[in-house]
Amino acid sequence: MIPDQSAGRGAAPGPLDRAAVVAGYRRNCAELEAALAAASPEALRRRSAGTRWNNEELLYHMVFGYTVVLALLPLVRIFGRLPVSINRGFAWLLNAGTAPFDAVNYWGSKGGALIFNRRRMAARLRRQTSALERRLHREAESGLGRRMYFPTRWDPFFKETMTLADVYAYPVAHFDFHAAQLSFDAPPGPAAGPGK
């Protein structure tokens, strides 16, 4: 919990292992490229395990996790300087809008996979991870401790408060979680909702 002074203050987090985060980015790129190269068009159209997306849509959603991080970084920098009451209020407002977010999240990944499909998503992920890697290397250690409140109902990997370091590490955990739901070789089980 953050002391009620500023969302950007509080106990300093441990140092971020930047090399491990970058290695995760590069591993995710290699895994996406390998999956796209190995999967048949039929396998990509097969429904994933535990979501309502097919495998290609889920792969796009995994890539989109990196897109989200690029948008979140400036938000954490801004909200990390604002009073806790504003931070909490913003997170509460976003949590209240979880149902519309889930719909946008679901349909956005379905539509996004039509544009950034099997032929384009690997290049998109490479561009995004390269941009994140450059930004991460430029971050001051003190800046990585800046934090804000997050809408915990939006994503299982969102914590009540997250530092800039947490946000840089987030897309690897998000990608790895959803990679286990891909069903290229076996028929999927019942869908568990739109997935996040």
Protein backbone atom coordinates (compact mmCIF):
# COMPACT_ATOMS: atom_id res chain seq x y z
CA MET A 1 0.00 0.00 0.00
CA ILE A 2 1.25 3.49 -0.82
CA PRO A 3 1.49 6.08 1.97
CA ASP A 4 -1.08 8.87 1.57
CA GLN A 5 1.38 11.47 0.32
CA SER A 6 1.90 10.86 -3.36
CA ALA A 7 1.37 7.83 -5.54
CA GLY A 8 4.95 8.26 -6.71
CA ARG A 9 6.43 7.87 -3.21
CA GLY A 10 6.73 4.97 -0.84
CA ALA A 11 9.11 2.13 -0.15
CA ALA A 12 11.65 1.75 -2.92
CA PRO A 13 11.16 -1.46 -4.90
CA GLY A 14 14.04 -3.82 -5.52
CA PRO A 15 16.01 -3.14 -8.67
CA LEU A 16 14.49 -4.37 -11.91
CA ASP A 17 16.50 -7.05 -13.69
CA ARG A 18 16.49 -5.23 -17.02
CA ALA A 19 18.41 -7.98 -18.80
CA ALA A 20 15.82 -10.58 -17.74
CA VAL A 21 12.94 -8.38 -18.93
CA VAL A 22 14.60 -7.81 -22.31
CA ALA A 23 15.35 -11.54 -22.58
CA GLY A 24 11.62 -12.13 -21.99
CA TYR A 25 10.74 -9.69 -24.79
CA ARG A 26 13.08 -11.45 -27.19
CA ARG A 27 11.88 -14.90 -26.16
CA ASN A 28 8.26 -13.88 -26.76
CA CYS A 29 9.19 -12.64 -30.25
CA ALA A 30 10.93 -15.92 -31.06
CA GLU A 31 8.00 -17.95 -29.71
CA LEU A 32 5.47 -15.97 -31.73
CA GLU A 33 7.51 -16.34 -34.91
CA ALA A 34 7.91 -20.09 -34.32
CA ALA A 35 4.18 -20.55 -33.62
CA LEU A 36 3.19 -18.64 -36.75
CA ALA A 37 5.68 -20.57 -38.90
CA ALA A 38 4.54 -23.96 -37.60
CA ALA A 39 0.77 -23.45 -37.45
CA SER A 40 -1.43 -24.29 -40.40
CA PRO A 41 -4.24 -21.91 -41.40
CA GLU A 42 -6.69 -24.44 -39.96
CA ALA A 43 -4.83 -24.54 -36.64
CA LEU A 44 -4.85 -20.74 -36.45
CA ARG A 45 -8.62 -20.73 -36.98
CA ARG A 46 -9.17 -23.35 -34.24
CA ARG A 47 -10.66 -22.01 -31.00
CA SER A 48 -8.13 -21.55 -28.23
CA ALA A 49 -8.37 -23.36 -24.91
CA GLY A 50 -10.24 -21.35 -22.29
CA THR A 51 -11.14 -18.25 -24.34
CA ARG A 52 -13.66 -17.41 -27.05
CA TRP A 53 -10.88 -16.32 -29.42
CA ASN A 54 -9.42 -18.55 -32.08
CA ASN A 55 -5.66 -19.12 -31.96
CA GLU A 56 -4.84 -16.30 -34.37
CA GLU A 57 -6.98 -13.84 -32.40
CA LEU A 58 -5.35 -14.96 -29.16
CA LEU A 59 -1.89 -14.50 -30.66
CA TYR A 60 -2.87 -10.96 -31.63
CA HIS A 61 -4.15 -10.36 -28.09
CA MET A 62 -0.77 -11.51 -26.76
CA VAL A 63 0.94 -8.99 -29.04
CA PHE A 64 -1.57 -6.33 -28.00
CA GLY A 65 -0.36 -6.69 -24.40
CA TYR A 66 2.84 -5.02 -25.55
CA THR A 67 0.86 -2.24 -27.25
CA VAL A 68 -0.92 -1.59 -23.94
CA VAL A 69 2.41 -1.18 -22.15
CA LEU A 70 3.56 1.50 -24.57
CA ALA A 71 0.37 3.42 -23.69
CA LEU A 72 0.69 2.78 -19.94
CA LEU A 73 4.24 4.09 -19.51
CA PRO A 74 3.34 7.79 -19.87
CA LEU A 75 0.25 7.29 -17.69
CA VAL A 76 2.35 5.90 -14.83
CA ARG A 77 4.74 8.82 -15.17
CA ILE A 78 1.85 11.32 -14.99
CA PHE A 79 -0.27 9.64 -12.31
CA GLY A 80 2.81 8.81 -10.27
CA ARG A 81 3.14 12.53 -9.59
CA LEU A 82 -0.51 13.09 -8.63
CA PRO A 83 -2.13 12.77 -5.19
CA VAL A 84 -3.25 9.32 -4.06
CA SER A 85 -6.92 10.42 -4.02
CA ILE A 86 -6.79 11.13 -7.76
CA ASN A 87 -4.97 7.86 -8.42
CA ARG A 88 -7.48 5.82 -6.45
CA GLY A 89 -10.41 7.64 -8.02
CA PHE A 90 -9.12 6.97 -11.53
CA ALA A 91 -8.58 3.27 -10.78
CA TRP A 92 -12.07 3.06 -9.22
CA LEU A 93 -13.59 4.68 -12.31
CA LEU A 94 -11.81 2.21 -14.60
CA ASN A 95 -12.88 -0.75 -12.43
CA ALA A 96 -16.48 0.49 -12.65
CA GLY A 97 -16.16 0.27 -16.43
CA THR A 98 -14.95 -3.33 -16.48
CA ALA A 99 -17.92 -4.68 -18.48
CA PRO A 100 -17.43 -2.24 -21.40
CA PHE A 101 -13.68 -2.84 -21.21
CA ASP A 102 -14.20 -6.60 -21.48
CA ALA A 103 -16.34 -6.12 -24.59
CA VAL A 104 -13.77 -3.80 -26.20
CA ASN A 105 -10.97 -6.17 -25.20
CA TYR A 106 -12.75 -9.12 -26.79
CA TRP A 107 -13.91 -7.48 -30.01
CA GLY A 108 -10.73 -5.45 -30.33
CA SER A 109 -8.64 -8.60 -30.44
CA LYS A 110 -11.00 -10.18 -32.97
CA GLY A 111 -10.78 -7.10 -35.19
CA GLY A 112 -7.08 -6.52 -34.58
CA ALA A 113 -6.26 -10.01 -35.81
CA LEU A 114 -7.86 -9.15 -39.15
CA ILE A 115 -5.41 -6.27 -39.63
CA PHE A 116 -2.31 -7.53 -37.81
CA ASN A 117 -2.86 -11.10 -38.90
CA ARG A 118 -0.45 -14.04 -39.13
CA ARG A 119 1.57 -12.22 -41.80
CA ARG A 120 1.97 -8.93 -39.88
CA MET A 121 1.84 -9.53 -36.14
CA ALA A 122 5.42 -10.83 -35.71
CA ALA A 123 6.87 -7.69 -37.27
CA ARG A 124 4.60 -5.57 -35.06
CA LEU A 125 5.80 -7.37 -31.94
CA ARG A 126 9.45 -6.91 -32.97
CA ARG A 127 8.89 -3.16 -33.39
CA GLN A 128 7.13 -2.86 -30.04
CA THR A 129 9.68 -4.87 -28.08
CA SER A 130 12.52 -2.89 -29.68
CA ALA A 131 10.83 0.36 -28.62
CA LEU A 132 10.31 -0.93 -25.08
CA GLU A 133 13.88 -2.14 -24.86
CA ARG A 134 15.23 1.27 -25.89
CA ARG A 135 13.00 3.04 -23.37
CA LEU A 136 13.91 0.61 -20.59
CA HIS A 137 17.63 1.18 -21.12
CA ARG A 138 17.09 4.95 -20.83
CA GLU A 139 15.08 4.77 -17.58
CA ALA A 140 16.74 6.05 -14.43
CA GLU A 141 16.58 3.59 -11.55
CA SER A 142 14.66 6.15 -9.48
CA GLY A 143 12.08 6.57 -12.23
CA LEU A 144 11.35 2.84 -12.30
CA GLY A 145 9.96 3.14 -8.77
CA ARG A 146 7.24 5.63 -9.77
CA ARG A 147 3.82 4.02 -9.30
CA MET A 148 0.10 4.46 -9.79
CA TYR A 149 -3.13 2.67 -8.88
CA PHE A 150 -4.46 0.18 -11.43
CA PRO A 151 -7.91 -1.28 -12.23
CA THR A 152 -7.39 -4.76 -10.81
CA ARG A 153 -10.60 -6.08 -12.39
CA TRP A 154 -9.26 -5.45 -15.90
CA ASP A 155 -6.44 -7.97 -15.91
CA PRO A 156 -5.28 -10.76 -13.57
CA PHE A 157 -1.74 -9.35 -13.74
CA PHE A 158 -2.73 -5.85 -12.63
CA LYS A 159 -1.96 -5.23 -8.96
CA GLU A 160 -3.56 -2.52 -6.83
CA THR A 161 -0.49 -0.37 -7.44
CA MET A 162 2.18 -0.94 -10.05
CA THR A 163 5.55 0.68 -10.55
CA LEU A 164 7.03 1.59 -13.88
CA ALA A 165 9.27 -1.47 -13.41
CA ASP A 166 6.16 -3.66 -12.96
CA VAL A 167 4.69 -2.27 -16.18
CA TYR A 168 7.84 -3.04 -18.16
CA ALA A 169 7.71 -6.65 -16.88
CA TYR A 170 3.93 -7.07 -17.37
CA PRO A 171 3.75 -8.01 -21.08
CA VAL A 172 6.02 -11.04 -20.66
CA ALA A 173 3.77 -12.50 -17.93
CA HIS A 174 0.66 -11.68 -20.00
CA PHE A 175 2.12 -13.30 -23.14
CA ASP A 176 3.30 -16.42 -21.28
CA PHE A 177 -0.08 -16.87 -19.55
CA HIS A 178 -2.00 -16.79 -22.82
CA ALA A 179 0.56 -18.93 -24.66
CA ALA A 180 -0.61 -21.83 -22.50
CA GLN A 181 -4.14 -21.34 -23.93
CA LEU A 182 -3.12 -21.89 -27.54
CA SER A 183 -4.59 -25.10 -28.95
CA PHE A 184 -2.76 -25.83 -32.20
CA ASP A 185 -2.52 -29.58 -31.68
CA ALA A 186 -5.49 -30.55 -29.53
CA PRO A 187 -9.19 -29.68 -29.49
CA PRO A 188 -9.81 -26.92 -26.91
CA GLY A 189 -11.88 -27.32 -23.77
CA PRO A 190 -14.94 -25.17 -23.03
CA ALA A 191 -14.51 -21.42 -23.31
CA ALA A 192 -14.13 -19.54 -20.05
CA GLY A 193 -15.26 -16.13 -21.26
CA PRO A 194 -13.52 -13.45 -23.29
CA GLY A 195 -10.19 -13.89 -21.53
CA LYS A 196 -7.80 -11.10 -20.58
